[in-house]
Every structure is written in structure tokens, then in C-alpha cells.
């Protein structure tokens, strides 16, 4: 289970590592490619948006006022996605309707 925390660089990195590991390596072919790649893009875009907000906040930029709410929405979405994977070997529930299979771990 993913611990819900305040937006931070450390928390963002934990979410990134967890989601990248759970979604798995990019796949262009196969049964799951059509479902996994859009999810991968969505996660990457969310991570980029949160990173932009954190960078603006760190520099004291006046743009943080407009970015904060959007960044918090992205953060909440990533946490919901991360919580959808109760264990490493189980599939997450996406949008309460579609299931995305867990990816096998890379070989050692």
C-alpha cells in the first residue's frame, strides 16, 4: 500500500519508482500494448507536471499560484493509481472498470 503524503521531491521520486516498476518496460506489440502505453504516457505527463510545479515553488516563482491546484490533482491521481496495486504481483484496477495486468519483473 502506498503511503499518502504531501507533495515533495522525495514523494514524487517514490511514486515514480513505484509506478515505473509496476507498469513495466515499454511494449510496442502484444495484447497489452494498447492499454499500457497510454497509461505510461499519462503517468509521465503527470510526473512532468508535478516536477514543473515543484521547480517553480523551489525558485519562488509567482507561477506557483496557478500551478498548485493542478499539481495537487496530478499528485492525487498518481497516488490513486499507485494504491490500485495492492501487491507487486497483482493487476491494478484502472478507472474501476478496466484491469491492467502487472508486468513481469526484468530478469536479473
N, C-alpha and C. Protein backbone atom coordinates (compact mmCIF):
# COMPACT_ATOMS: atom_id res chain seq x y z
N UNK A 1 0.85 -1.18 0.00
CA UNK A 1 0.00 0.00 0.00
C UNK A 1 0.89 1.24 0.00
N UNK A 2 0.52 2.23 -0.77
CA UNK A 2 1.28 3.46 -0.88
C UNK A 2 0.82 4.42 0.20
N UNK A 3 1.79 4.98 0.90
CA UNK A 3 1.51 5.97 1.94
C UNK A 3 1.20 7.31 1.29
N UNK A 4 0.09 7.90 1.66
CA UNK A 4 -0.29 9.20 1.12
C UNK A 4 0.50 10.26 1.88
N UNK A 5 1.16 11.14 1.15
CA UNK A 5 1.98 12.18 1.78
C UNK A 5 1.83 13.48 1.03
N UNK A 6 2.39 14.52 1.61
CA UNK A 6 2.36 15.83 0.97
C UNK A 6 3.28 15.82 -0.24
N UNK A 7 2.99 16.69 -1.20
CA UNK A 7 3.80 16.79 -2.40
C UNK A 7 5.22 17.20 -2.02
N UNK A 8 6.19 16.42 -2.49
CA UNK A 8 7.60 16.74 -2.25
C UNK A 8 8.44 16.03 -3.32
N UNK A 9 9.67 16.45 -3.44
CA UNK A 9 10.59 15.78 -4.38
C UNK A 9 10.76 14.31 -4.00
N UNK A 10 10.94 14.05 -2.71
CA UNK A 10 11.14 12.67 -2.26
C UNK A 10 9.90 11.81 -2.53
N UNK A 11 8.74 12.36 -2.25
CA UNK A 11 7.50 11.64 -2.51
C UNK A 11 7.29 11.40 -3.99
N UNK A 12 7.63 12.40 -4.80
CA UNK A 12 7.49 12.26 -6.25
C UNK A 12 8.40 11.15 -6.77
N UNK A 13 9.61 11.09 -6.26
CA UNK A 13 10.54 10.05 -6.69
C UNK A 13 10.03 8.67 -6.26
N UNK A 14 9.48 8.56 -5.06
CA UNK A 14 8.92 7.27 -4.62
C UNK A 14 7.77 6.84 -5.52
N UNK A 15 6.87 7.77 -5.84
CA UNK A 15 5.77 7.45 -6.74
C UNK A 15 6.29 7.04 -8.12
N UNK A 16 7.27 7.79 -8.63
CA UNK A 16 7.83 7.48 -9.95
C UNK A 16 8.41 6.07 -9.98
N UNK A 17 9.23 5.75 -9.00
CA UNK A 17 9.87 4.43 -8.95
C UNK A 17 8.81 3.33 -8.85
N UNK A 18 7.84 3.52 -7.99
CA UNK A 18 6.79 2.52 -7.80
C UNK A 18 6.00 2.30 -9.09
N UNK A 19 5.55 3.39 -9.70
CA UNK A 19 4.72 3.26 -10.90
C UNK A 19 5.49 2.73 -12.09
N UNK A 20 6.72 3.16 -12.28
CA UNK A 20 7.53 2.65 -13.39
C UNK A 20 7.75 1.15 -13.22
N UNK A 21 8.03 0.72 -12.00
CA UNK A 21 8.24 -0.71 -11.75
C UNK A 21 6.97 -1.51 -11.97
N UNK A 22 5.85 -0.97 -11.55
CA UNK A 22 4.59 -1.71 -11.67
C UNK A 22 4.05 -1.72 -13.09
N UNK A 23 4.22 -0.64 -13.82
CA UNK A 23 3.72 -0.59 -15.19
C UNK A 23 4.59 -1.45 -16.09
N UNK A 24 5.88 -1.46 -15.84
CA UNK A 24 6.78 -2.30 -16.61
C UNK A 24 7.44 -1.56 -17.76
N UNK A 25 8.25 -2.31 -18.48
CA UNK A 25 9.00 -1.76 -19.60
C UNK A 25 8.07 -1.41 -20.75
N UNK A 26 8.47 -0.43 -21.57
CA UNK A 26 7.65 -0.08 -22.73
C UNK A 26 7.45 -1.30 -23.64
N UNK A 27 6.25 -1.43 -24.16
CA UNK A 27 5.97 -2.52 -25.09
C UNK A 27 5.19 -1.95 -26.27
N UNK A 28 5.69 -2.23 -27.46
CA UNK A 28 5.04 -1.72 -28.66
C UNK A 28 4.12 -2.74 -29.29
N UNK A 29 4.30 -4.00 -28.94
CA UNK A 29 3.50 -5.06 -29.53
C UNK A 29 2.88 -5.90 -28.43
N UNK A 30 1.93 -6.67 -28.80
CA UNK A 30 1.32 -7.58 -27.85
C UNK A 30 -0.05 -7.12 -27.41
N UNK A 31 -0.69 -8.00 -26.70
CA UNK A 31 -2.07 -7.80 -26.27
C UNK A 31 -2.25 -6.57 -25.38
N UNK A 32 -1.26 -6.28 -24.53
CA UNK A 32 -1.41 -5.21 -23.55
C UNK A 32 -0.86 -3.87 -24.01
N UNK A 33 -0.18 -3.81 -25.14
CA UNK A 33 0.47 -2.57 -25.59
C UNK A 33 -0.53 -1.42 -25.71
N UNK A 34 -1.71 -1.68 -26.21
CA UNK A 34 -2.71 -0.64 -26.40
C UNK A 34 -3.24 -0.06 -25.12
N UNK A 35 -3.15 -0.80 -24.02
CA UNK A 35 -3.62 -0.30 -22.73
C UNK A 35 -2.48 0.26 -21.89
N UNK A 36 -1.31 -0.32 -22.00
CA UNK A 36 -0.19 0.06 -21.14
C UNK A 36 0.44 1.36 -21.60
N UNK A 37 0.65 1.53 -22.90
CA UNK A 37 1.34 2.73 -23.38
C UNK A 37 0.59 4.02 -23.05
N UNK A 38 -0.74 4.10 -23.21
CA UNK A 38 -1.44 5.32 -22.79
C UNK A 38 -1.30 5.58 -21.29
N UNK A 39 -1.32 4.52 -20.49
CA UNK A 39 -1.12 4.67 -19.05
C UNK A 39 0.28 5.19 -18.76
N UNK A 40 1.28 4.65 -19.44
CA UNK A 40 2.66 5.09 -19.26
C UNK A 40 2.80 6.58 -19.60
N UNK A 41 2.19 7.00 -20.71
CA UNK A 41 2.25 8.41 -21.11
C UNK A 41 1.55 9.31 -20.08
N UNK A 42 0.41 8.86 -19.60
CA UNK A 42 -0.34 9.63 -18.61
C UNK A 42 0.48 9.81 -17.33
N UNK A 43 1.12 8.74 -16.88
CA UNK A 43 1.96 8.82 -15.69
C UNK A 43 3.12 9.78 -15.93
N UNK A 44 3.79 9.66 -17.07
CA UNK A 44 4.93 10.53 -17.38
C UNK A 44 4.51 11.99 -17.43
N UNK A 45 3.37 12.27 -18.03
CA UNK A 45 2.89 13.66 -18.10
C UNK A 45 2.56 14.20 -16.72
N UNK A 46 1.99 13.36 -15.87
CA UNK A 46 1.69 13.78 -14.50
C UNK A 46 2.96 14.06 -13.72
N UNK A 47 3.94 13.17 -13.86
CA UNK A 47 5.23 13.38 -13.18
C UNK A 47 5.88 14.68 -13.64
N UNK A 48 5.82 14.95 -14.94
CA UNK A 48 6.41 16.17 -15.50
C UNK A 48 5.70 17.41 -14.97
N UNK A 49 4.38 17.37 -14.90
CA UNK A 49 3.61 18.50 -14.39
C UNK A 49 3.91 18.79 -12.93
N UNK A 50 3.99 17.75 -12.11
CA UNK A 50 4.30 17.93 -10.70
C UNK A 50 5.72 18.46 -10.54
N UNK A 51 6.65 17.92 -11.33
CA UNK A 51 8.03 18.39 -11.29
C UNK A 51 8.10 19.88 -11.64
N UNK A 52 7.35 20.31 -12.62
CA UNK A 52 7.33 21.73 -13.01
C UNK A 52 6.83 22.59 -11.86
N UNK A 53 5.79 22.14 -11.19
CA UNK A 53 5.28 22.89 -10.04
C UNK A 53 6.34 22.98 -8.94
N UNK A 54 6.96 21.83 -8.60
CA UNK A 54 7.96 21.82 -7.54
C UNK A 54 9.14 22.72 -7.89
N UNK A 55 9.56 22.71 -9.15
CA UNK A 55 10.66 23.58 -9.58
C UNK A 55 10.27 25.05 -9.43
N UNK A 56 9.05 25.39 -9.80
CA UNK A 56 8.59 26.77 -9.67
C UNK A 56 8.52 27.17 -8.19
N UNK A 57 8.04 26.27 -7.35
CA UNK A 57 7.95 26.56 -5.92
C UNK A 57 9.34 26.73 -5.31
N UNK A 58 10.28 25.91 -5.74
CA UNK A 58 11.65 25.98 -5.20
C UNK A 58 12.34 27.30 -5.57
N UNK A 59 12.00 27.85 -6.72
CA UNK A 59 12.63 29.10 -7.15
C UNK A 59 11.84 30.33 -6.71
N UNK A 60 10.71 30.12 -6.07
CA UNK A 60 9.91 31.23 -5.61
C UNK A 60 9.15 31.93 -6.72
N UNK A 61 8.89 31.22 -7.80
CA UNK A 61 8.20 31.80 -8.95
C UNK A 61 6.76 32.16 -8.61
N UNK A 62 6.29 33.24 -9.20
CA UNK A 62 4.90 33.65 -8.99
C UNK A 62 3.92 32.74 -9.73
N UNK A 63 4.40 31.87 -10.60
CA UNK A 63 3.51 30.97 -11.34
C UNK A 63 2.98 29.83 -10.47
N UNK A 64 3.54 29.66 -9.27
CA UNK A 64 3.09 28.54 -8.43
C UNK A 64 1.63 28.67 -8.05
N UNK A 65 1.12 29.89 -7.96
CA UNK A 65 -0.28 30.08 -7.60
C UNK A 65 -1.19 29.36 -8.59
N UNK A 66 -0.91 29.51 -9.86
CA UNK A 66 -1.73 28.86 -10.88
C UNK A 66 -1.46 27.38 -11.05
N UNK A 67 -0.28 26.93 -10.66
CA UNK A 67 0.10 25.53 -10.85
C UNK A 67 -0.27 24.63 -9.68
N UNK A 68 -0.39 25.19 -8.49
CA UNK A 68 -0.57 24.38 -7.28
C UNK A 68 -1.77 23.44 -7.36
N UNK A 69 -2.91 23.96 -7.71
CA UNK A 69 -4.13 23.14 -7.75
C UNK A 69 -4.00 22.01 -8.78
N UNK A 70 -3.49 22.35 -9.95
CA UNK A 70 -3.31 21.32 -11.00
C UNK A 70 -2.31 20.27 -10.56
N UNK A 71 -1.20 20.71 -9.95
CA UNK A 71 -0.19 19.76 -9.47
C UNK A 71 -0.79 18.84 -8.40
N UNK A 72 -1.62 19.39 -7.52
CA UNK A 72 -2.24 18.57 -6.48
C UNK A 72 -3.19 17.54 -7.10
N UNK A 73 -3.92 17.93 -8.12
CA UNK A 73 -4.80 16.97 -8.83
C UNK A 73 -3.97 15.85 -9.46
N UNK A 74 -2.86 16.21 -10.10
CA UNK A 74 -1.99 15.19 -10.70
C UNK A 74 -1.42 14.26 -9.63
N UNK A 75 -0.99 14.84 -8.52
CA UNK A 75 -0.44 14.07 -7.39
C UNK A 75 -1.48 13.06 -6.88
N UNK A 76 -2.70 13.54 -6.66
CA UNK A 76 -3.76 12.67 -6.17
C UNK A 76 -4.04 11.54 -7.15
N UNK A 77 -4.00 11.84 -8.44
CA UNK A 77 -4.22 10.80 -9.46
C UNK A 77 -3.13 9.75 -9.43
N UNK A 78 -1.88 10.16 -9.27
CA UNK A 78 -0.78 9.19 -9.20
C UNK A 78 -0.90 8.34 -7.94
N UNK A 79 -1.28 8.94 -6.83
CA UNK A 79 -1.45 8.16 -5.60
C UNK A 79 -2.59 7.15 -5.74
N UNK A 80 -3.69 7.55 -6.37
CA UNK A 80 -4.80 6.61 -6.59
C UNK A 80 -4.34 5.44 -7.46
N UNK A 81 -3.59 5.74 -8.50
CA UNK A 81 -3.07 4.71 -9.38
C UNK A 81 -2.13 3.77 -8.62
N UNK A 82 -1.25 4.35 -7.81
CA UNK A 82 -0.31 3.53 -7.04
C UNK A 82 -1.05 2.65 -6.04
N UNK A 83 -2.10 3.17 -5.41
CA UNK A 83 -2.88 2.37 -4.45
C UNK A 83 -3.66 1.26 -5.13
N UNK A 84 -3.89 1.36 -6.43
CA UNK A 84 -4.64 0.33 -7.16
C UNK A 84 -3.84 -0.97 -7.25
N UNK A 85 -2.55 -0.93 -6.98
CA UNK A 85 -1.70 -2.11 -6.97
C UNK A 85 -1.44 -2.52 -5.52
N UNK A 86 -2.27 -3.37 -4.95
CA UNK A 86 -2.05 -3.74 -3.54
C UNK A 86 -0.78 -4.55 -3.34
N UNK A 87 -0.36 -5.30 -4.32
CA UNK A 87 0.86 -6.11 -4.22
C UNK A 87 1.56 -6.08 -5.56
N UNK A 88 2.85 -6.37 -5.57
CA UNK A 88 3.66 -6.35 -6.79
C UNK A 88 3.12 -7.28 -7.87
N UNK A 89 2.58 -8.43 -7.50
CA UNK A 89 2.19 -9.43 -8.50
C UNK A 89 0.72 -9.38 -8.88
N UNK A 90 0.00 -8.36 -8.47
CA UNK A 90 -1.42 -8.30 -8.82
C UNK A 90 -1.66 -7.17 -9.79
N UNK A 91 -2.74 -7.28 -10.53
CA UNK A 91 -3.08 -6.26 -11.52
C UNK A 91 -3.78 -5.10 -10.84
N UNK A 92 -3.54 -3.87 -11.29
CA UNK A 92 -4.22 -2.72 -10.73
C UNK A 92 -5.63 -2.59 -11.31
N UNK A 93 -6.48 -1.91 -10.60
CA UNK A 93 -7.79 -1.58 -11.12
C UNK A 93 -7.69 -0.16 -11.64
N UNK A 94 -8.02 0.03 -12.92
CA UNK A 94 -7.93 1.34 -13.53
C UNK A 94 -9.33 1.82 -13.84
N UNK A 95 -9.67 3.01 -13.33
CA UNK A 95 -11.00 3.60 -13.54
C UNK A 95 -12.12 2.66 -13.11
N UNK A 96 -11.88 1.82 -12.15
CA UNK A 96 -12.87 0.90 -11.60
C UNK A 96 -13.56 0.01 -12.64
N UNK A 97 -13.09 0.01 -13.88
CA UNK A 97 -13.74 -0.80 -14.90
C UNK A 97 -12.75 -1.67 -15.65
N UNK A 98 -11.63 -1.11 -16.03
CA UNK A 98 -10.65 -1.85 -16.81
C UNK A 98 -9.52 -2.33 -15.91
N UNK A 99 -8.99 -3.49 -16.18
CA UNK A 99 -7.87 -4.02 -15.42
C UNK A 99 -6.63 -4.03 -16.31
N UNK A 100 -5.51 -3.57 -15.77
CA UNK A 100 -4.25 -3.58 -16.50
C UNK A 100 -3.37 -4.62 -15.83
N UNK A 101 -2.89 -5.62 -16.57
CA UNK A 101 -2.09 -6.66 -15.95
C UNK A 101 -0.74 -6.14 -15.48
N UNK A 102 -0.26 -6.71 -14.39
CA UNK A 102 1.07 -6.37 -13.90
C UNK A 102 2.10 -6.91 -14.87
N UNK A 103 3.21 -6.22 -15.01
CA UNK A 103 4.27 -6.63 -15.90
C UNK A 103 5.25 -7.52 -15.15
N UNK A 104 5.83 -8.52 -15.82
CA UNK A 104 6.83 -9.36 -15.14
C UNK A 104 8.06 -8.53 -14.81
N UNK A 105 8.72 -8.93 -13.72
CA UNK A 105 9.95 -8.24 -13.32
C UNK A 105 11.04 -8.53 -14.35
N UNK A 106 11.93 -7.55 -14.58
CA UNK A 106 13.02 -7.79 -15.53
C UNK A 106 13.94 -8.87 -14.99
N UNK A 107 14.58 -9.65 -15.90
CA UNK A 107 15.47 -10.71 -15.44
C UNK A 107 16.68 -10.11 -14.72
N UNK A 108 17.20 -10.86 -13.76
CA UNK A 108 18.37 -10.39 -13.00
C UNK A 108 19.62 -10.45 -13.82
